[in-house]
Amino acid sequence: MYKKRKERLYICDIIENPPIIYPMYYTVSDTLKNNEMLIESLKTVHLSEFHNLKIPSDAKEIFEAIRLGAFPIYKGQYVVGEFGGRLMYLESSGWKSLQVTKSVFDLNQWLV
């Protein structure tokens, strides 16, 4: 069976002299490496430029953004997507399942 290839997306390749360099790279699929919405979300996190985003008024806004192909930001540091019916956040080693904790339901933790 064919396994999708994972590649490293280095922050310094998408932002010149990023002020926030941790993590230095993200492991993503070849398709997501070229996804403009993902790259814009990562730029937002690493530049800490949240002025174009807003706190959602309800959870429907988060899921609507995901449905439209956007990647909401959780806690100002995690880019979130939906894969296989699960909410996942991006870390250096790849996508991890978002654990359902009390803070996940706090809309002040989200930016869309």
PDB file of N, CA and C in Angstrom:
ATOM      1  N   MET A   1       0.842  -1.179   0.000  1.00  0.00           N
ATOM      2  CA  MET A   1       0.000   0.000   0.000  1.00  0.00           C
ATOM      3  C   MET A   1       0.890   1.247   0.000  1.00  0.00           C
ATOM      4  N   TYR A   2       0.492   2.235  -0.764  1.00  0.00           N
ATOM      5  CA  TYR A   2       1.250   3.479  -0.885  1.00  0.00           C
ATOM      6  C   TYR A   2       1.046   4.339   0.354  1.00  0.00           C
ATOM      7  N   LYS A   3       2.143   4.729   0.974  1.00  0.00           N
ATOM      8  CA  LYS A   3       2.084   5.594   2.148  1.00  0.00           C
ATOM      9  C   LYS A   3       2.446   7.011   1.731  1.00  0.00           C
ATOM     10  N   LYS A   4       1.614   7.977   2.135  1.00  0.00           N
ATOM     11  CA  LYS A   4       1.875   9.367   1.779  1.00  0.00           C
ATOM     12  C   LYS A   4       3.184   9.830   2.388  1.00  0.00           C
ATOM     13  N   ARG A   5       3.932  10.544   1.598  1.00  0.00           N
ATOM     14  CA  ARG A   5       5.233  11.033   2.017  1.00  0.00           C
ATOM     15  C   ARG A   5       5.082  12.289   2.875  1.00  0.00           C
ATOM     16  N   LYS A   6       5.829  12.332   3.944  1.00  0.00           N
ATOM     17  CA  LYS A   6       5.840  13.491   4.837  1.00  0.00           C
ATOM     18  C   LYS A   6       7.107  14.288   4.581  1.00  0.00           C
ATOM     19  N   GLU A   7       6.961  15.597   4.642  1.00  0.00           N
ATOM     20  CA  GLU A   7       8.101  16.473   4.425  1.00  0.00           C
ATOM     21  C   GLU A   7       8.159  17.519   5.519  1.00  0.00           C
ATOM     22  N   ARG A   8       9.322  18.102   5.689  1.00  0.00           N
ATOM     23  CA  ARG A   8       9.491  19.172   6.667  1.00  0.00           C
ATOM     24  C   ARG A   8       9.239  20.521   5.993  1.00  0.00           C
ATOM     25  N   LEU A   9       8.405  21.299   6.625  1.00  0.00           N
ATOM     26  CA  LEU A   9       8.136  22.662   6.191  1.00  0.00           C
ATOM     27  C   LEU A   9       8.856  23.577   7.171  1.00  0.00           C
ATOM     28  N   TYR A  10       9.977  24.136   6.742  1.00  0.00           N
ATOM     29  CA  TYR A  10      10.798  24.979   7.614  1.00  0.00           C
ATOM     30  C   TYR A  10      10.234  26.394   7.667  1.00  0.00           C
ATOM     31  N   ILE A  11      10.155  26.935   8.873  1.00  0.00           N
ATOM     32  CA  ILE A  11       9.638  28.281   9.066  1.00  0.00           C
ATOM     33  C   ILE A  11      10.502  29.308   8.337  1.00  0.00           C
ATOM     34  N   CYS A  12      11.800  29.129   8.350  1.00  0.00           N
ATOM     35  CA  CYS A  12      12.682  30.096   7.679  1.00  0.00           C
ATOM     36  C   CYS A  12      12.492  30.090   6.160  1.00  0.00           C
ATOM     37  N   ASP A  13      11.837  29.058   5.612  1.00  0.00           N
ATOM     38  CA  ASP A  13      11.538  29.035   4.177  1.00  0.00           C
ATOM     39  C   ASP A  13      10.301  29.865   3.843  1.00  0.00           C
ATOM     40  N   ILE A  14       9.445  30.109   4.829  1.00  0.00           N
ATOM     41  CA  ILE A  14       8.228  30.884   4.557  1.00  0.00           C
ATOM     42  C   ILE A  14       8.262  32.280   5.186  1.00  0.00           C
ATOM     43  N   ILE A  15       9.157  32.486   6.161  1.00  0.00           N
ATOM     44  CA  ILE A  15       9.304  33.795   6.810  1.00  0.00           C
ATOM     45  C   ILE A  15      10.792  34.106   6.919  1.00  0.00           C
ATOM     46  N   GLU A  16      11.165  35.265   6.434  1.00  0.00           N
ATOM     47  CA  GLU A  16      12.565  35.680   6.559  1.00  0.00           C
ATOM     48  C   GLU A  16      12.783  36.246   7.960  1.00  0.00           C
ATOM     49  N   ASN A  17      13.743  35.729   8.678  1.00  0.00           N
ATOM     50  CA  ASN A  17      14.073  36.145  10.047  1.00  0.00           C
ATOM     51  C   ASN A  17      12.850  36.130  10.973  1.00  0.00           C
ATOM     52  N   PRO A  18      12.238  34.954  11.174  1.00  0.00           N
ATOM     53  CA  PRO A  18      11.050  34.904  12.038  1.00  0.00           C
ATOM     54  C   PRO A  18      11.393  35.225  13.490  1.00  0.00           C
ATOM     55  N   PRO A  19      10.563  36.029  14.159  1.00  0.00           N
ATOM     56  CA  PRO A  19      10.833  36.354  15.557  1.00  0.00           C
ATOM     57  C   PRO A  19      10.628  35.151  16.490  1.00  0.00           C
ATOM     58  N   ILE A  20       9.734  34.261  16.101  1.00  0.00           N
ATOM     59  CA  ILE A  20       9.488  33.042  16.877  1.00  0.00           C
ATOM     60  C   ILE A  20       9.941  31.874  16.014  1.00  0.00           C
ATOM     61  N   ILE A  21      11.006  31.218  16.434  1.00  0.00           N
ATOM     62  CA  ILE A  21      11.567  30.142  15.607  1.00  0.00           C
ATOM     63  C   ILE A  21      11.292  28.743  16.144  1.00  0.00           C
ATOM     64  N   TYR A  22      10.537  28.649  17.231  1.00  0.00           N
ATOM     65  CA  TYR A  22      10.208  27.313  17.746  1.00  0.00           C
ATOM     66  C   TYR A  22       8.759  27.009  17.458  1.00  0.00           C
ATOM     67  N   PRO A  23       8.441  25.884  16.902  1.00  0.00           N
ATOM     68  CA  PRO A  23       9.360  24.907  16.328  1.00  0.00           C
ATOM     69  C   PRO A  23       9.948  25.424  15.021  1.00  0.00           C
ATOM     70  N   MET A  24      11.111  24.908  14.697  1.00  0.00           N
ATOM     71  CA  MET A  24      11.843  25.334  13.513  1.00  0.00           C
ATOM     72  C   MET A  24      11.184  24.819  12.230  1.00  0.00           C
ATOM     73  N   TYR A  25      10.508  23.679  12.330  1.00  0.00           N
ATOM     74  CA  TYR A  25       9.855  23.085  11.163  1.00  0.00           C
ATOM     75  C   TYR A  25       8.619  22.314  11.613  1.00  0.00           C
ATOM     76  N   TYR A  26       7.782  21.996  10.649  1.00  0.00           N
ATOM     77  CA  TYR A  26       6.598  21.161  10.869  1.00  0.00           C
ATOM     78  C   TYR A  26       6.634  20.020   9.865  1.00  0.00           C
ATOM     79  N   THR A  27       6.287  18.831  10.300  1.00  0.00           N
ATOM     80  CA  THR A  27       6.229  17.678   9.419  1.00  0.00           C
ATOM     81  C   THR A  27       4.804  17.567   8.880  1.00  0.00           C
ATOM     82  N   VAL A  28       4.667  17.741   7.568  1.00  0.00           N
ATOM     83  CA  VAL A  28       3.350  17.725   6.927  1.00  0.00           C
ATOM     84  C   VAL A  28       3.417  16.907   5.648  1.00  0.00           C
ATOM     85  N   SER A  29       2.257  16.605   5.100  1.00  0.00           N
ATOM     86  CA  SER A  29       2.203  15.879   3.832  1.00  0.00           C
ATOM     87  C   SER A  29       2.652  16.804   2.706  1.00  0.00           C
ATOM     88  N   ASP A  30       2.990  16.216   1.595  1.00  0.00           N
ATOM     89  CA  ASP A  30       3.419  16.976   0.430  1.00  0.00           C
ATOM     90  C   ASP A  30       2.321  17.949  -0.009  1.00  0.00           C
ATOM     91  N   THR A  31       1.072  17.521   0.074  1.00  0.00           N
ATOM     92  CA  THR A  31      -0.055  18.372  -0.307  1.00  0.00           C
ATOM     93  C   THR A  31      -0.177  19.575   0.619  1.00  0.00           C
ATOM     94  N   LEU A  32      -0.100  19.347   1.925  1.00  0.00           N
ATOM     95  CA  LEU A  32      -0.237  20.443   2.881  1.00  0.00           C
ATOM     96  C   LEU A  32       0.966  21.377   2.871  1.00  0.00           C
ATOM     97  N   LYS A  33       2.097  20.893   2.432  1.00  0.00           N
ATOM     98  CA  LYS A  33       3.294  21.744   2.383  1.00  0.00           C
ATOM     99  C   LYS A  33       3.074  22.931   1.452  1.00  0.00           C
ATOM    100  N   ASN A  34       2.202  22.759   0.479  1.00  0.00           N
ATOM    101  CA  ASN A  34       1.914  23.819  -0.486  1.00  0.00           C
ATOM    102  C   ASN A  34       0.546  24.476  -0.261  1.00  0.00           C
ATOM    103  N   ASN A  35      -0.105  24.177   0.851  1.00  0.00           N
ATOM    104  CA  ASN A  35      -1.426  24.724   1.147  1.00  0.00           C
ATOM    105  C   ASN A  35      -1.279  26.170   1.632  1.00  0.00           C
ATOM    106  N   GLU A  36      -1.801  27.112   0.858  1.00  0.00           N
ATOM    107  CA  GLU A  36      -1.643  28.531   1.177  1.00  0.00           C
ATOM    108  C   GLU A  36      -2.299  28.914   2.503  1.00  0.00           C
ATOM    109  N   MET A  37      -3.443  28.319   2.814  1.00  0.00           N
ATOM    110  CA  MET A  37      -4.133  28.654   4.068  1.00  0.00           C
ATOM    111  C   MET A  37      -3.330  28.176   5.277  1.00  0.00           C
ATOM    112  N   LEU A  38      -2.728  27.002   5.175  1.00  0.00           N
ATOM    113  CA  LEU A  38      -1.886  26.504   6.252  1.00  0.00           C
ATOM    114  C   LEU A  38      -0.660  27.393   6.421  1.00  0.00           C
ATOM    115  N   ILE A  39      -0.042  27.755   5.329  1.00  0.00           N
ATOM    116  CA  ILE A  39       1.153  28.605   5.394  1.00  0.00           C
ATOM    117  C   ILE A  39       0.813  29.960   6.010  1.00  0.00           C
ATOM    118  N   GLU A  40      -0.326  30.539   5.647  1.00  0.00           N
ATOM    119  CA  GLU A  40      -0.731  31.822   6.233  1.00  0.00           C
ATOM    120  C   GLU A  40      -0.982  31.685   7.736  1.00  0.00           C
ATOM    121  N   SER A  41      -1.588  30.580   8.159  1.00  0.00           N
ATOM    122  CA  SER A  41      -1.821  30.364   9.592  1.00  0.00           C
ATOM    123  C   SER A  41      -0.497  30.220  10.342  1.00  0.00           C
ATOM    124  N   LEU A  42       0.449  29.510   9.755  1.00  0.00           N
ATOM    125  CA  LEU A  42       1.757  29.355  10.390  1.00  0.00           C
ATOM    126  C   LEU A  42       2.491  30.692  10.459  1.00  0.00           C
ATOM    127  N   LYS A  43       2.380  31.504   9.417  1.00  0.00           N
ATOM    128  CA  LYS A  43       2.981  32.838   9.448  1.00  0.00           C
ATOM    129  C   LYS A  43       2.371  33.666  10.574  1.00  0.00           C
ATOM    130  N   THR A  44       1.064  33.595  10.722  1.00  0.00           N
ATOM    131  CA  THR A  44       0.372  34.344  11.767  1.00  0.00           C
ATOM    132  C   THR A  44       0.893  33.959  13.141  1.00  0.00           C
ATOM    133  N   VAL A  45       1.052  32.670  13.381  1.00  0.00           N
ATOM    134  CA  VAL A  45       1.533  32.188  14.676  1.00  0.00           C
ATOM    135  C   VAL A  45       2.971  32.638  14.923  1.00  0.00           C
ATOM    136  N   HIS A  46       3.830  32.480  13.933  1.00  0.00           N
ATOM    137  CA  HIS A  46       5.252  32.775  14.133  1.00  0.00           C
ATOM    138  C   HIS A  46       5.574  34.271  14.117  1.00  0.00           C
ATOM    139  N   LEU A  47       4.691  35.060  13.542  1.00  0.00           N
ATOM    140  CA  LEU A  47       4.878  36.511  13.572  1.00  0.00           C
ATOM    141  C   LEU A  47       4.060  37.166  14.688  1.00  0.00           C
ATOM    142  N   SER A  48       3.205  36.382  15.328  1.00  0.00           N
ATOM    143  CA  SER A  48       2.298  36.873  16.382  1.00  0.00           C
ATOM    144  C   SER A  48       1.465  38.062  15.899  1.00  0.00           C
ATOM    145  N   GLU A  49       1.003  37.969  14.678  1.00  0.00           N
ATOM    146  CA  GLU A  49       0.164  39.016  14.093  1.00  0.00           C
ATOM    147  C   GLU A  49      -1.289  38.528  14.053  1.00  0.00           C
ATOM    148  N   PHE A  50      -1.968  38.713  15.166  1.00  0.00           N
ATOM    149  CA  PHE A  50      -3.326  38.208  15.301  1.00  0.00           C
ATOM    150  C   PHE A  50      -4.391  39.266  15.031  1.00  0.00           C
ATOM    151  N   HIS A  51      -3.990  40.466  14.598  1.00  0.00           N
ATOM    152  CA  HIS A  51      -4.941  41.556  14.434  1.00  0.00           C
ATOM    153  C   HIS A  51      -5.988  41.290  13.350  1.00  0.00           C
ATOM    154  N   ASN A  52      -5.708  40.415  12.386  1.00  0.00           N
ATOM    155  CA  ASN A  52      -6.684  40.092  11.334  1.00  0.00           C
ATOM    156  C   ASN A  52      -7.657  39.002  11.760  1.00  0.00           C
ATOM    157  N   LEU A  53      -7.434  38.412  12.918  1.00  0.00           N
ATOM    158  CA  LEU A  53      -8.279  37.322  13.389  1.00  0.00           C
ATOM    159  C   LEU A  53      -9.191  37.810  14.496  1.00  0.00           C
ATOM    160  N   LYS A  54     -10.212  37.011  14.779  1.00  0.00           N
ATOM    161  CA  LYS A  54     -11.138  37.374  15.849  1.00  0.00           C
ATOM    162  C   LYS A  54     -11.457  36.149  16.689  1.00  0.00           C
ATOM    163  N   ILE A  55     -11.915  36.418  17.889  1.00  0.00           N
ATOM    164  CA  ILE A  55     -12.374  35.352  18.774  1.00  0.00           C
ATOM    165  C   ILE A  55     -13.769  34.962  18.303  1.00  0.00           C
ATOM    166  N   PRO A  56     -14.019  33.679  18.081  1.00  0.00           N
ATOM    167  CA  PRO A  56     -15.339  33.271  17.590  1.00  0.00           C
ATOM    168  C   PRO A  56     -16.415  33.488  18.644  1.00  0.00           C
ATOM    169  N   SER A  57     -17.620  33.792  18.179  1.00  0.00           N
ATOM    170  CA  SER A  57     -18.736  33.995  19.107  1.00  0.00           C
ATOM    171  C   SER A  57     -19.353  32.667  19.536  1.00  0.00           C
ATOM    172  N   ASP A  58     -19.197  31.638  18.710  1.00  0.00           N
ATOM    173  CA  ASP A  58     -19.650  30.301  19.085  1.00  0.00           C
ATOM    174  C   ASP A  58     -18.818  29.256  18.336  1.00  0.00           C
ATOM    175  N   ALA A  59     -18.973  28.002  18.739  1.00  0.00           N
ATOM    176  CA  ALA A  59     -18.165  26.920  18.163  1.00  0.00           C
ATOM    177  C   ALA A  59     -18.450  26.720  16.675  1.00  0.00           C
ATOM    178  N   LYS A  60     -19.629  27.118  16.225  1.00  0.00           N
ATOM    179  CA  LYS A  60     -19.964  26.958  14.808  1.00  0.00           C
ATOM    180  C   LYS A  60     -18.989  27.721  13.917  1.00  0.00           C
ATOM    181  N   GLU A  61     -18.513  28.859  14.372  1.00  0.00           N
ATOM    182  CA  GLU A  61     -17.553  29.644  13.592  1.00  0.00           C
ATOM    183  C   GLU A  61     -16.238  28.892  13.402  1.00  0.00           C
ATOM    184  N   ILE A  62     -15.814  28.164  14.413  1.00  0.00           N
ATOM    185  CA  ILE A  62     -14.575  27.378  14.318  1.00  0.00           C
ATOM    186  C   ILE A  62     -14.741  26.288  13.265  1.00  0.00           C
ATOM    187  N   PHE A  63     -15.847  25.555  13.351  1.00  0.00           N
ATOM    188  CA  PHE A  63     -16.069  24.456  12.416  1.00  0.00           C
ATOM    189  C   PHE A  63     -16.359  24.952  11.006  1.00  0.00           C
ATOM    190  N   GLU A  64     -16.979  26.112  10.882  1.00  0.00           N
ATOM    191  CA  GLU A  64     -17.216  26.703   9.565  1.00  0.00           C
ATOM    192  C   GLU A  64     -15.888  27.080   8.922  1.00  0.00           C
ATOM    193  N   ALA A  65     -14.982  27.655   9.689  1.00  0.00           N
ATOM    194  CA  ALA A  65     -13.659  28.004   9.161  1.00  0.00           C
ATOM    195  C   ALA A  65     -12.921  26.754   8.687  1.00  0.00           C
ATOM    196  N   ILE A  66     -12.993  25.693   9.465  1.00  0.00           N
ATOM    197  CA  ILE A  66     -12.340  24.434   9.081  1.00  0.00           C
ATOM    198  C   ILE A  66     -12.970  23.875   7.818  1.00  0.00           C
ATOM    199  N   ARG A  67     -14.293  23.926   7.741  1.00  0.00           N
ATOM    200  CA  ARG A  67     -15.004  23.415   6.569  1.00  0.00           C
ATOM    201  C   ARG A  67     -14.603  24.172   5.304  1.00  0.00           C
ATOM    202  N   LEU A  68     -14.327  25.461   5.444  1.00  0.00           N
ATOM    203  CA  LEU A  68     -13.926  26.288   4.305  1.00  0.00           C
ATOM    204  C   LEU A  68     -12.448  26.133   3.952  1.00  0.00           C
ATOM    205  N   GLY A  69     -11.725  25.303   4.705  1.00  0.00           N
ATOM    206  CA  GLY A  69     -10.317  25.032   4.408  1.00  0.00           C
ATOM    207  C   GLY A  69      -9.333  25.864   5.206  1.00  0.00           C
ATOM    208  N   ALA A  70      -9.835  26.684   6.116  1.00  0.00           N
ATOM    209  CA  ALA A  70      -8.947  27.497   6.947  1.00  0.00           C
ATOM    210  C   ALA A  70      -8.416  26.661   8.111  1.00  0.00           C
ATOM    211  N   PHE A  71      -7.427  27.195   8.782  1.00  0.00           N
ATOM    212  CA  PHE A  71      -6.832  26.539   9.934  1.00  0.00           C
ATOM    213  C   PHE A  71      -6.914  27.500  11.117  1.00  0.00           C
ATOM    214  N   PRO A  72      -7.936  27.337  11.983  1.00  0.00           N
ATOM    215  CA  PRO A  72      -8.042  28.204  13.164  1.00  0.00           C
ATOM    216  C   PRO A  72      -6.819  28.039  14.062  1.00  0.00           C
ATOM    217  N   ILE A  73      -6.620  29.020  14.920  1.00  0.00           N
ATOM    218  CA  ILE A  73      -5.473  29.001  15.824  1.00  0.00           C
ATOM    219  C   ILE A  73      -5.979  28.828  17.249  1.00  0.00           C
ATOM    220  N   TYR A  74      -5.370  27.893  17.966  1.00  0.00           N
ATOM    221  CA  TYR A  74      -5.760  27.569  19.335  1.00  0.00           C
ATOM    222  C   TYR A  74      -4.648  28.013  20.283  1.00  0.00           C
ATOM    223  N   LYS A  75      -5.004  28.749  21.304  1.00  0.00           N
ATOM    224  CA  LYS A  75      -4.074  29.249  22.320  1.00  0.00           C
ATOM    225  C   LYS A  75      -2.947  30.086  21.737  1.00  0.00           C
ATOM    226  N   GLY A  76      -3.161  30.673  20.574  1.00  0.00           N
ATOM    227  CA  GLY A  76      -2.159  31.539  19.970  1.00  0.00           C
ATOM    228  C   GLY A  76      -0.895  30.845  19.523  1.00  0.00           C
ATOM    229  N   GLN A  77      -0.880  29.502  19.548  1.00  0.00           N
ATOM    230  CA  GLN A  77       0.339  28.795  19.157  1.00  0.00           C
ATOM    231  C   GLN A  77       0.113  27.535  18.348  1.00  0.00           C
ATOM    232  N   TYR A  78      -1.107  27.045  18.290  1.00  0.00           N
ATOM    233  CA  TYR A  78      -1.368  25.804  17.555  1.00  0.00           C
ATOM    234  C   TYR A  78      -2.309  26.050  16.389  1.00  0.00           C
ATOM    235  N   VAL A  79      -1.909  25.590  15.216  1.00  0.00           N
ATOM    236  CA  VAL A  79      -2.765  25.609  14.045  1.00  0.00           C
ATOM    237  C   VAL A  79      -3.595  24.337  14.100  1.00  0.00           C
ATOM    238  N   VAL A  80      -4.920  24.474  13.925  1.00  0.00           N
ATOM    239  CA  VAL A  80      -5.829  23.338  14.077  1.00  0.00           C
ATOM    240  C   VAL A  80      -6.514  23.029  12.754  1.00  0.00           C
ATOM    241  N   GLY A  81      -6.622  21.747  12.446  1.00  0.00           N
ATOM    242  CA  GLY A  81      -7.332  21.280  11.269  1.00  0.00           C
ATOM    243  C   GLY A  81      -8.179  20.080  11.624  1.00  0.00           C
ATOM    244  N   GLU A  82      -8.949  19.611  10.670  1.00  0.00           N
ATOM    245  CA  GLU A  82      -9.808  18.448  10.885  1.00  0.00           C
ATOM    246  C   GLU A  82      -9.410  17.374   9.879  1.00  0.00           C
ATOM    247  N   PHE A  83      -9.076  16.212  10.384  1.00  0.00           N
ATOM    248  CA  PHE A  83      -8.676  15.103   9.537  1.00  0.00           C
ATOM    249  C   PHE A  83      -9.334  13.833  10.051  1.00  0.00           C
ATOM    250  N   GLY A  84     -10.046  13.150   9.183  1.00  0.00           N
ATOM    251  CA  GLY A  84     -10.696  11.899   9.559  1.00  0.00           C
ATOM    252  C   GLY A  84     -11.715  12.068  10.668  1.00  0.00           C
ATOM    253  N   GLY A  85     -12.396  13.206  10.705  1.00  0.00           N
ATOM    254  CA  GLY A  85     -13.413  13.446  11.719  1.00  0.00           C
ATOM    255  C   GLY A  85     -12.860  13.835  13.078  1.00  0.00           C
ATOM    256  N   ARG A  86     -11.566  14.123  13.168  1.00  0.00           N
ATOM    257  CA  ARG A  86     -10.947  14.512  14.441  1.00  0.00           C
ATOM    258  C   ARG A  86     -10.300  15.882  14.313  1.00  0.00           C
ATOM    259  N   LEU A  87     -10.369  16.650  15.387  1.00  0.00           N
ATOM    260  CA  LEU A  87      -9.639  17.908  15.438  1.00  0.00           C
ATOM    261  C   LEU A  87      -8.193  17.592  15.772  1.00  0.00           C
ATOM    262  N   MET A  88      -7.284  18.149  14.971  1.00  0.00           N
ATOM    263  CA  MET A  88      -5.867  17.879  15.143  1.00  0.00           C
ATOM    264  C   MET A  88      -5.120  19.205  15.199  1.00  0.00           C
ATOM    265  N   TYR A  89      -4.054  19.263  15.986  1.00  0.00           N
ATOM    266  CA  TYR A  89      -3.208  20.446  16.025  1.00  0.00           C
ATOM    267  C   TYR A  89      -1.829  20.073  15.504  1.00  0.00           C
ATOM    268  N   LEU A  90      -1.162  21.055  14.905  1.00  0.00           N
ATOM    269  CA  LEU A  90       0.117  20.793  14.259  1.00  0.00           C
ATOM    270  C   LEU A  90       1.277  21.081  15.200  1.00  0.00           C
ATOM    271  N   GLU A  91       2.129  20.081  15.352  1.00  0.00           N
ATOM    272  CA  GLU A  91       3.379  20.208  16.093  1.00  0.00           C
ATOM    273  C   GLU A  91       4.524  19.901  15.143  1.00  0.00           C
ATOM    274  N   SER A  92       5.724  20.055  15.609  1.00  0.00           N
ATOM    275  CA  SER A  92       6.894  19.812  14.788  1.00  0.00           C
ATOM    276  C   SER A  92       6.897  18.403  14.184  1.00  0.00           C
ATOM    277  N   SER A  93       6.491  17.429  14.960  1.00  0.00           N
ATOM    278  CA  SER A  93       6.524  16.039  14.491  1.00  0.00           C
ATOM    279  C   SER A  93       5.316  15.652  13.653  1.00  0.00           C
ATOM    280  N   GLY A  94       4.360  16.555  13.493  1.00  0.00           N
ATOM    281  CA  GLY A  94       3.188  16.264  12.675  1.00  0.00           C
ATOM    282  C   GLY A  94       1.895  16.594  13.405  1.00  0.00           C
ATOM    283  N   TRP A  95       0.799  16.095  12.868  1.00  0.00           N
ATOM    284  CA  TRP A  95      -0.531  16.371  13.419  1.00  0.00           C
ATOM    285  C   TRP A  95      -0.800  15.468  14.618  1.00  0.00           C
ATOM    286  N   LYS A  96      -1.291  16.049  15.695  1.00  0.00           N
ATOM    287  CA  LYS A  96      -1.637  15.330  16.923  1.00  0.00           C
ATOM    288  C   LYS A  96      -3.110  15.567  17.222  1.00  0.00           C
ATOM    289  N   SER A  97      -3.747  14.579  17.805  1.00  0.00           N
ATOM    290  CA  SER A  97      -5.160  14.700  18.163  1.00  0.00           C
ATOM    291  C   SER A  97      -5.330  15.730  19.276  1.00  0.00           C
ATOM    292  N   LEU A  98      -6.289  16.620  19.126  1.00  0.00           N
ATOM    293  CA  LEU A  98      -6.563  17.648  20.123  1.00  0.00           C
ATOM    294  C   LEU A  98      -7.341  17.013  21.272  1.00  0.00           C
ATOM    295  N   GLN A  99      -6.743  17.015  22.439  1.00  0.00           N
ATOM    296  CA  GLN A  99      -7.369  16.424  23.618  1.00  0.00           C
ATOM    297  C   GLN A  99      -8.521  17.304  24.092  1.00  0.00           C
ATOM    298  N   VAL A 100      -9.639  16.686  24.377  1.00  0.00           N
ATOM    299  CA  VAL A 100     -10.809  17.433  24.834  1.00  0.00           C
ATOM    300  C   VAL A 100     -10.658  17.720  26.324  1.00  0.00           C
ATOM    301  N   THR A 101     -10.326  18.969  26.600  1.00  0.00           N
ATOM    302  CA  THR A 101     -10.205  19.431  27.977  1.00  0.00           C
ATOM    303  C   THR A 101     -11.125  20.635  28.143  1.00  0.00           C
ATOM    304  N   LYS A 102     -11.231  21.116  29.338  1.00  0.00           N
ATOM    305  CA  LYS A 102     -12.097  22.266  29.606  1.00  0.00           C
ATOM    306  C   LYS A 102     -11.677  23.479  28.777  1.00  0.00           C
ATOM    307  N   SER A 103     -10.372  23.682  28.587  1.00  0.00           N
ATOM    308  CA  SER A 103      -9.897  24.856  27.847  1.00  0.00           C
ATOM    309  C   SER A 103     -10.277  24.827  26.373  1.00  0.00           C
ATOM    310  N   VAL A 104     -10.512  23.639  25.797  1.00  0.00           N
ATOM    311  CA  VAL A 104     -10.934  23.540  24.403  1.00  0.00           C
ATOM    312  C   VAL A 104     -12.286  24.230  24.207  1.00  0.00           C
ATOM    313  N   PHE A 105     -13.134  24.193  25.217  1.00  0.00           N
ATOM    314  CA  PHE A 105     -14.466  24.783  25.115  1.00  0.00           C
ATOM    315  C   PHE A 105     -14.480  26.274  25.428  1.00  0.00           C
ATOM    316  N   ASP A 106     -13.348  26.822  25.850  1.00  0.00           N
ATOM    317  CA  ASP A 106     -13.249  28.251  26.123  1.00  0.00           C
ATOM    318  C   ASP A 106     -12.981  28.967  24.806  1.00  0.00           C
ATOM    319  N   LEU A 107     -13.969  29.671  24.266  1.00  0.00           N
ATOM    320  CA  LEU A 107     -13.840  30.320  22.977  1.00  0.00           C
ATOM    321  C   LEU A 107     -12.775  31.415  22.963  1.00  0.00           C
ATOM    322  N   ASN A 108     -12.397  31.936  24.122  1.00  0.00           N
ATOM    323  CA  ASN A 108     -11.343  32.948  24.193  1.00  0.00           C
ATOM    324  C   ASN A 108      -9.967  32.360  23.832  1.00  0.00           C
ATOM    325  N   GLN A 109      -9.873  31.048  23.771  1.00  0.00           N
ATOM    326  CA  GLN A 109      -8.620  30.377  23.413  1.00  0.00           C
ATOM    327  C   GLN A 109      -8.458  30.235  21.900  1.00  0.00           C
ATOM    328  N   TRP A 110      -9.511  30.554  21.128  1.00  0.00           N
ATOM    329  CA  TRP A 110      -9.521  30.333  19.683  1.00  0.00           C
ATOM    330  C   TRP A 110      -9.457  31.637  18.909  1.00  0.00           C
ATOM    331  N   LEU A 111      -8.857  31.575  17.726  1.00  0.00           N
ATOM    332  CA  LEU A 111      -8.846  32.692  16.779  1.00  0.00           C
ATOM    333  C   LEU A 111      -9.200  32.144  15.409  1.00  0.00           C
ATOM    334  N   VAL A 112     -10.125  32.813  14.739  1.00  0.00           N
ATOM    335  CA  VAL A 112     -10.516  32.398  13.368  1.00  0.00           C
ATOM    336  C   VAL A 112     -10.350  33.569  12.422  1.00  0.00           C
TER     337      VAL A 112
END
